[in-house]
Amino acid sequence: MIIGSADQADVLRLEGFLTRNGHPHQRLDPKTDPCAQTLIERFYIDARELPIVLCPNGQLLRNPSDVELARCIGLVQPIDPDKIYDVVIVGVGPAGLAASVYAGSEGLSVLALDCRAFGGSCSLSPTRSGFAPVPSSSPAAPGTAVSMSEISHPSKAHVSTIGRRRWRDGCAQGRRWRWWAVAIPPARLWYIGANMSRYLVERITARPNVEILTETKVTALEGQDGILEAIRCRSHRSGEEKTFAIRHLFLFIGADPNTNWVSRSGVMLDDKGFVRAGANIKRPLETNLPGVFAIGDVRSGSVKRVAAAVGEGAQVVAELHAFLAELGDRARLPANTRRH
């Protein structure tokens, strides 16, 4: 249970985290709910400590981080530092989740790490959730899909020593969105930008308070004293420029590969920061470091589509088996004939 106002940024953050992970929850607003106000008074909660969270075990958290909340509700599992896994998968989006499921089903010991949710950003899409093995919005789906692997999230990873398989720091996901957002309940909403997918157009146009301006770009922001008052836009087709009285702006300008955490390990990146693969002809998803593979959004040249990511997640398991078998063959060779 989350106690806090609907317009608080941290309330939205916590609700978003629980929703992405399919965890049931309830929110009570102390401004309108007497039970919420009673809880605040009973536990002597200062307004600056809101929101608070009541966990199923009775523990009370004061404006917790995502990690603190995940630990309280049992999403984070302890990782045994002395255990050696066959496979460590960083990022449980469509590609990572597929690799986790298939590798686990084929007898490999798997540790999968993610700092947000099963399915990555795909788990938020109503048209893509449920695309096997991407979890649906059902709270039971994530646990069902990954029951054969050990999943720890929100978790972070950094390759400090490839050979010894040590993992710490860094963020476990393929890409990070380049956006800025403000939380508001708008009476009217404008979409301004290039073309969009047909299914999005159909969903958006069904809402009476949304207006779509495609093939249009924002040319100027107007206001004073740091407060936005209007947005000026120009149509690509007609060249006509219009001004709209808009007080809030949400920018969504694509995504960057989230590879800073791996850049110091020696893994080769392309000029945009995506991980290069294909150094081994026999194992095309393997990077220049033997035993390190790149799949999904983070791989240079990938299609950046759900079906392709799931396919790469399944494909890489065959390459993992081949690599592990090769390691086993090397271990059985006499010491003076091993190649390093």
Protein backbone atom coordinates (compact mmCIF):
# COMPACT_ATOMS: atom_id res chain seq x y z
CA MET A 1 0.00 0.00 0.00
CA ILE A 2 1.28 3.45 -0.98
CA ILE A 3 0.24 6.47 1.06
CA GLY A 4 0.67 9.73 -0.84
CA SER A 5 -0.90 12.18 -3.25
CA ALA A 6 -1.45 11.15 -6.85
CA ASP A 7 0.50 14.17 -8.13
CA GLN A 8 3.67 13.39 -6.16
CA ALA A 9 6.58 12.38 -8.38
CA ASP A 10 7.73 9.67 -5.96
CA VAL A 11 4.22 8.20 -5.78
CA LEU A 12 4.21 7.89 -9.56
CA ARG A 13 7.69 6.37 -9.46
CA LEU A 14 6.72 3.72 -6.92
CA GLU A 15 3.42 2.93 -8.64
CA GLY A 16 5.24 2.61 -11.95
CA PHE A 17 7.79 0.23 -10.46
CA LEU A 18 5.11 -2.02 -8.94
CA THR A 19 2.99 -1.95 -12.11
CA ARG A 20 5.93 -2.87 -14.36
CA ASN A 21 6.70 -5.82 -12.12
CA GLY A 22 3.09 -7.01 -12.00
CA HIS A 23 2.85 -6.51 -8.24
CA PRO A 24 -0.65 -5.68 -6.91
CA HIS A 25 -0.87 -2.51 -4.86
CA GLN A 26 -3.23 0.15 -3.62
CA ARG A 27 -2.75 3.90 -3.23
CA LEU A 28 -4.45 6.04 -0.59
CA ASP A 29 -4.38 9.83 -0.84
CA PRO A 30 -4.21 11.51 2.60
CA LYS A 31 -5.97 14.56 1.13
CA THR A 32 -9.14 12.58 0.46
CA ASP A 33 -8.87 9.34 2.45
CA PRO A 34 -9.34 9.51 6.24
CA CYS A 35 -7.67 6.09 6.69
CA ALA A 36 -4.51 7.38 5.02
CA GLN A 37 -4.47 10.44 7.26
CA THR A 38 -4.97 8.22 10.33
CA LEU A 39 -1.95 6.11 9.35
CA ILE A 40 0.19 9.23 8.94
CA GLU A 41 -0.80 10.48 12.38
CA ARG A 42 -0.39 7.08 14.03
CA PHE A 43 3.18 6.62 12.79
CA TYR A 44 4.10 10.31 13.24
CA ILE A 45 4.96 10.76 9.58
CA ASP A 46 6.28 14.16 8.59
CA ALA A 47 4.95 15.51 5.27
CA ARG A 48 8.51 15.52 3.93
CA GLU A 49 8.70 11.75 4.43
CA LEU A 50 5.79 11.01 2.11
CA PRO A 51 5.04 8.82 0.33
CA ILE A 52 5.17 5.92 2.75
CA VAL A 53 4.75 2.28 1.80
CA LEU A 54 3.23 -0.51 3.90
CA CYS A 55 4.68 -3.85 2.81
CA PRO A 56 2.87 -7.21 3.10
CA ASN A 57 5.10 -8.15 6.05
CA GLY A 58 3.97 -5.06 7.97
CA GLN A 59 7.17 -3.09 7.45
CA LEU A 60 6.76 0.64 6.88
CA LEU A 61 9.05 2.41 4.42
CA ARG A 62 9.43 6.18 4.20
CA ASN A 63 9.77 7.29 0.57
CA PRO A 64 11.82 4.20 -0.34
CA SER A 65 14.05 3.76 -3.36
CA ASP A 66 13.08 1.12 -5.93
CA VAL A 67 15.71 -1.22 -4.48
CA GLU A 68 14.42 -0.79 -0.91
CA LEU A 69 10.86 -1.45 -2.04
CA ALA A 70 11.90 -4.48 -4.10
CA ARG A 71 13.75 -5.95 -1.14
CA CYS A 72 10.77 -5.41 1.15
CA ILE A 73 8.30 -7.20 -1.14
CA GLY A 74 10.69 -10.02 -2.00
CA LEU A 75 11.65 -9.13 -5.57
CA VAL A 76 15.36 -9.02 -4.79
CA GLN A 77 17.02 -12.34 -4.07
CA PRO A 78 20.36 -12.61 -2.28
CA ILE A 79 23.19 -13.54 -4.62
CA ASP A 80 25.75 -16.04 -3.37
CA PRO A 81 29.15 -14.48 -4.17
CA ASP A 82 30.81 -17.90 -4.13
CA LYS A 83 28.45 -19.57 -6.60
CA ILE A 84 29.62 -19.91 -10.19
CA TYR A 85 26.88 -19.80 -12.83
CA ASP A 86 27.05 -21.16 -16.35
CA VAL A 87 25.45 -17.97 -17.64
CA VAL A 88 24.94 -14.46 -16.29
CA ILE A 89 22.41 -12.45 -18.29
CA VAL A 90 22.43 -8.68 -17.87
CA GLY A 91 19.09 -7.13 -18.80
CA VAL A 92 15.86 -9.15 -18.74
CA GLY A 93 14.12 -7.55 -21.69
CA PRO A 94 12.69 -9.69 -24.51
CA ALA A 95 16.13 -10.97 -25.53
CA GLY A 96 17.46 -11.53 -22.02
CA LEU A 97 14.24 -13.11 -20.79
CA ALA A 98 14.15 -15.50 -23.76
CA ALA A 99 17.78 -16.46 -23.15
CA SER A 100 17.05 -17.00 -19.44
CA VAL A 101 14.09 -19.26 -20.10
CA TYR A 102 15.71 -21.33 -22.84
CA ALA A 103 19.06 -21.65 -21.06
CA GLY A 104 17.36 -22.65 -17.82
CA SER A 105 15.14 -25.17 -19.58
CA GLU A 106 18.22 -26.78 -21.11
CA GLY A 107 19.92 -27.38 -17.80
CA LEU A 108 22.26 -24.38 -17.54
CA SER A 109 22.52 -22.54 -14.22
CA VAL A 110 21.44 -18.97 -14.97
CA LEU A 111 21.61 -15.70 -13.07
CA ALA A 112 19.64 -12.89 -14.73
CA LEU A 113 19.99 -9.27 -13.59
CA ASP A 114 17.77 -6.30 -14.33
CA CYS A 115 17.35 -2.91 -12.71
CA ARG A 116 13.68 -2.35 -13.61
CA ALA A 117 11.30 -5.12 -14.59
CA PHE A 118 10.81 -8.39 -16.46
CA GLY A 119 10.34 -7.73 -20.15
CA GLY A 120 12.06 -4.34 -20.12
CA SER A 121 10.19 -1.46 -21.73
CA CYS A 122 8.16 -4.03 -23.65
CA SER A 123 6.31 -5.03 -20.50
CA LEU A 124 4.57 -1.63 -20.56
CA SER A 125 3.17 -1.99 -24.07
CA PRO A 126 -0.42 -3.30 -24.22
CA THR A 127 0.11 -4.70 -27.71
CA ARG A 128 3.40 -6.46 -27.01
CA SER A 129 2.98 -7.80 -23.50
CA GLY A 130 2.32 -11.53 -23.54
CA PHE A 131 4.56 -12.01 -26.59
CA ALA A 132 6.24 -15.20 -25.36
CA PRO A 133 8.37 -15.06 -23.36
CA VAL A 134 7.67 -11.35 -22.67
CA PRO A 135 5.45 -11.26 -19.56
CA SER A 136 1.89 -10.05 -19.70
CA SER A 137 0.36 -7.68 -17.17
CA SER A 138 -0.72 -10.62 -15.03
CA PRO A 139 1.08 -10.59 -11.66
CA ALA A 140 1.74 -14.32 -12.01
CA ALA A 141 3.37 -14.10 -15.41
CA PRO A 142 6.92 -13.07 -14.45
CA GLY A 143 7.36 -15.83 -11.88
CA THR A 144 5.98 -18.40 -14.29
CA ALA A 145 8.23 -17.35 -17.14
CA VAL A 146 11.48 -17.36 -15.19
CA SER A 147 10.94 -20.21 -12.74
CA MET A 148 13.89 -22.11 -14.21
CA SER A 149 16.37 -19.24 -13.71
CA GLU A 150 17.47 -17.10 -10.79
CA ILE A 151 16.31 -13.55 -11.35
CA SER A 152 17.44 -10.61 -9.26
CA HIS A 153 16.07 -7.13 -9.85
CA PRO A 154 16.40 -4.27 -9.50
CA SER A 155 20.04 -5.32 -9.80
CA LYS A 156 23.07 -3.72 -11.36
CA ALA A 157 26.10 -5.21 -13.00
CA HIS A 158 29.61 -4.35 -14.05
CA VAL A 159 32.15 -6.66 -15.60
CA SER A 160 35.17 -6.08 -13.40
CA THR A 161 36.97 -9.32 -14.24
CA ILE A 162 35.52 -11.32 -17.12
CA GLY A 163 37.39 -14.52 -16.31
CA ARG A 164 36.27 -14.61 -12.67
CA ARG A 165 32.70 -13.54 -13.44
CA ARG A 166 32.46 -10.75 -10.90
CA TRP A 167 29.52 -8.41 -11.25
CA ARG A 168 28.79 -5.10 -9.56
CA ASP A 169 27.77 -1.46 -10.25
CA GLY A 170 26.41 -0.29 -13.63
CA CYS A 171 22.86 -0.66 -14.91
CA ALA A 172 21.51 -3.91 -16.27
CA GLN A 173 19.50 -2.93 -19.32
CA GLY A 174 20.09 -2.58 -23.05
CA ARG A 175 19.14 1.06 -23.53
CA ARG A 176 18.13 4.13 -21.61
CA TRP A 177 15.49 6.51 -22.89
CA ARG A 178 16.41 10.12 -23.60
CA TRP A 179 13.37 11.90 -22.23
CA TRP A 180 12.20 14.44 -19.74
CA ALA A 181 8.72 14.27 -18.27
CA VAL A 182 6.50 16.19 -15.89
CA ALA A 183 3.65 14.51 -14.03
CA ILE A 184 0.34 16.27 -14.74
CA PRO A 185 -3.30 15.22 -15.21
CA PRO A 186 -3.99 17.08 -18.49
CA ALA A 187 -7.45 18.17 -19.54
CA ARG A 188 -6.19 18.26 -23.14
CA LEU A 189 -3.19 16.57 -24.69
CA TRP A 190 -1.34 17.16 -27.96
CA TYR A 191 0.94 14.71 -29.73
CA ILE A 192 3.43 16.63 -31.88
CA GLY A 193 5.99 14.79 -33.98
CA ALA A 194 6.65 12.51 -36.91
CA ASN A 195 4.52 9.57 -37.96
CA MET A 196 3.62 6.87 -35.44
CA SER A 197 2.48 3.25 -35.49
CA ARG A 198 -1.10 2.66 -36.66
CA TYR A 199 -2.09 0.90 -33.43
CA LEU A 200 -0.94 3.96 -31.45
CA VAL A 201 -2.92 6.31 -33.70
CA GLU A 202 -6.06 4.20 -33.21
CA ARG A 203 -5.66 4.10 -29.43
CA ILE A 204 -4.91 7.80 -29.11
CA THR A 205 -7.61 9.09 -31.46
CA ALA A 206 -10.17 7.13 -29.44
CA ARG A 207 -9.60 9.58 -26.60
CA PRO A 208 -11.65 12.79 -26.95
CA ASN A 209 -9.09 15.02 -25.21
CA VAL A 210 -6.13 14.14 -27.49
CA GLU A 211 -5.14 15.95 -30.69
CA ILE A 212 -2.50 14.49 -33.05
CA LEU A 213 -0.22 16.71 -35.12
CA THR A 214 1.97 14.42 -37.25
CA GLU A 215 4.68 15.62 -39.64
CA THR A 216 5.05 18.58 -37.34
CA LYS A 217 7.98 19.85 -35.30
CA VAL A 218 8.30 22.19 -32.34
CA THR A 219 10.13 25.35 -33.43
CA ALA A 220 10.04 27.47 -30.28
CA LEU A 221 8.98 27.60 -26.64
CA GLU A 222 7.45 30.77 -25.27
CA GLY A 223 7.15 31.96 -21.69
CA GLN A 224 8.76 34.06 -19.02
CA ASP A 225 10.42 33.62 -15.62
CA GLY A 226 11.16 30.00 -16.46
CA ILE A 227 7.46 29.13 -16.90
CA LEU A 228 6.27 27.65 -20.20
CA GLU A 229 3.23 29.42 -21.64
CA ALA A 230 3.04 28.36 -25.30
CA ILE A 231 4.61 26.13 -27.94
CA ARG A 232 5.18 27.17 -31.55
CA CYS A 233 5.02 24.41 -34.20
CA ARG A 234 5.56 24.16 -37.96
CA SER A 235 3.96 21.69 -40.39
CA HIS A 236 6.44 19.89 -42.66
CA ARG A 237 3.89 19.77 -45.49
CA SER A 238 2.44 23.27 -45.57
CA GLY A 239 5.13 25.19 -43.75
CA GLU A 240 2.37 26.82 -41.71
CA GLU A 241 3.34 27.78 -38.18
CA LYS A 242 0.91 27.77 -35.25
CA THR A 243 1.11 28.64 -31.58
CA PHE A 244 -0.62 26.57 -28.90
CA ALA A 245 -1.21 27.62 -25.31
CA ILE A 246 0.52 24.65 -23.67
CA ARG A 247 1.98 24.82 -20.17
CA HIS A 248 3.73 21.43 -19.96
CA LEU A 249 5.97 19.57 -22.39
CA PHE A 250 7.04 15.91 -22.48
CA LEU A 251 10.04 15.18 -24.72
CA PHE A 252 10.67 11.71 -26.10
CA ILE A 253 13.73 11.72 -28.34
CA GLY A 254 14.81 8.12 -28.66
CA ALA A 255 17.23 6.02 -26.67
CA ASP A 256 20.95 5.58 -26.09
CA PRO A 257 22.71 2.23 -25.62
CA ASN A 258 23.29 1.72 -21.92
CA THR A 259 26.83 0.40 -22.26
CA ASN A 260 28.89 2.66 -20.02
CA TRP A 261 29.09 -0.11 -17.44
CA VAL A 262 30.71 -2.50 -19.92
CA SER A 263 32.87 -0.04 -21.85
CA ARG A 264 35.84 -0.43 -19.51
CA SER A 265 35.91 -4.23 -19.77
CA GLY A 266 37.44 -4.35 -23.22
CA VAL A 267 34.24 -5.19 -25.09
CA MET A 268 34.28 -3.42 -28.45
CA LEU A 269 31.56 -0.83 -29.15
CA ASP A 270 30.57 0.87 -32.38
CA ASP A 271 30.66 4.65 -32.88
CA LYS A 272 27.19 4.98 -31.33
CA GLY A 273 28.00 2.92 -28.26
CA PHE A 274 26.29 -0.35 -29.26
CA VAL A 275 28.15 -3.60 -28.58
CA ARG A 276 29.85 -5.18 -31.56
CA ALA A 277 29.33 -8.91 -32.08
CA GLY A 278 30.39 -11.39 -34.74
CA ALA A 279 34.09 -11.54 -33.87
CA ASN A 280 33.78 -15.34 -33.90
CA ILE A 281 32.41 -16.64 -37.20
CA LYS A 282 31.16 -19.83 -35.56
CA ARG A 283 29.35 -17.82 -32.86
CA PRO A 284 28.03 -14.63 -34.52
CA LEU A 285 26.54 -13.20 -31.31
CA GLU A 286 29.85 -13.41 -29.44
CA THR A 287 31.84 -10.21 -28.84
CA ASN A 288 35.59 -9.78 -29.12
CA LEU A 289 35.86 -11.15 -25.55
CA PRO A 290 35.37 -14.94 -25.59
CA GLY A 291 32.31 -15.95 -23.62
CA VAL A 292 30.69 -12.50 -23.71
CA PHE A 293 27.68 -12.27 -26.02
CA ALA A 294 25.48 -9.36 -27.14
CA ILE A 295 21.80 -9.79 -28.01
CA GLY A 296 18.76 -7.54 -28.37
CA ASP A 297 18.78 -3.75 -28.40
CA VAL A 298 22.33 -3.44 -27.11
CA ARG A 299 23.86 -5.31 -30.07
CA SER A 300 25.21 -3.21 -32.92
CA GLY A 301 23.11 -3.76 -36.03
CA SER A 302 20.18 -5.44 -34.30
CA VAL A 303 16.68 -4.85 -35.66
CA LYS A 304 15.37 -3.36 -32.37
CA ARG A 305 12.09 -5.29 -32.58
CA VAL A 306 10.52 -7.66 -30.07
CA ALA A 307 10.33 -10.74 -32.29
CA ALA A 308 13.94 -10.32 -33.38
CA ALA A 309 15.08 -9.90 -29.77
CA VAL A 310 13.26 -13.05 -28.64
CA GLY A 311 14.80 -14.93 -31.56
CA GLU A 312 18.31 -13.78 -30.60
CA GLY A 313 17.64 -14.82 -27.01
CA ALA A 314 16.89 -18.35 -28.18
CA GLN A 315 19.72 -18.39 -30.73
CA VAL A 316 22.39 -17.35 -28.25
CA VAL A 317 21.70 -20.39 -26.04
CA ALA A 318 23.05 -22.66 -28.78
CA GLU A 319 26.18 -20.50 -28.93
CA LEU A 320 26.49 -20.68 -25.14
CA HIS A 321 26.41 -24.48 -25.27
CA ALA A 322 29.07 -24.46 -27.97
CA PHE A 323 31.30 -22.14 -25.94
CA LEU A 324 30.90 -24.14 -22.73
CA ALA A 325 31.59 -27.39 -24.59
CA GLU A 326 34.75 -25.85 -26.02
CA LEU A 327 35.83 -24.84 -22.52
CA GLY A 328 35.25 -28.41 -21.35
CA ASP A 329 37.36 -29.78 -24.21
CA ARG A 330 40.20 -27.42 -23.34
CA ALA A 331 40.05 -28.43 -19.68
CA ARG A 332 40.50 -32.09 -20.66
CA LEU A 333 43.62 -31.42 -22.78
CA PRO A 334 47.07 -32.08 -21.31
CA ALA A 335 48.49 -28.93 -19.71
CA ASN A 336 51.28 -28.57 -22.32
CA THR A 337 48.82 -28.59 -25.24
CA ARG A 338 46.27 -26.05 -23.98
CA ARG A 339 45.95 -22.81 -25.85
CA HIS A 340 45.39 -19.64 -23.80
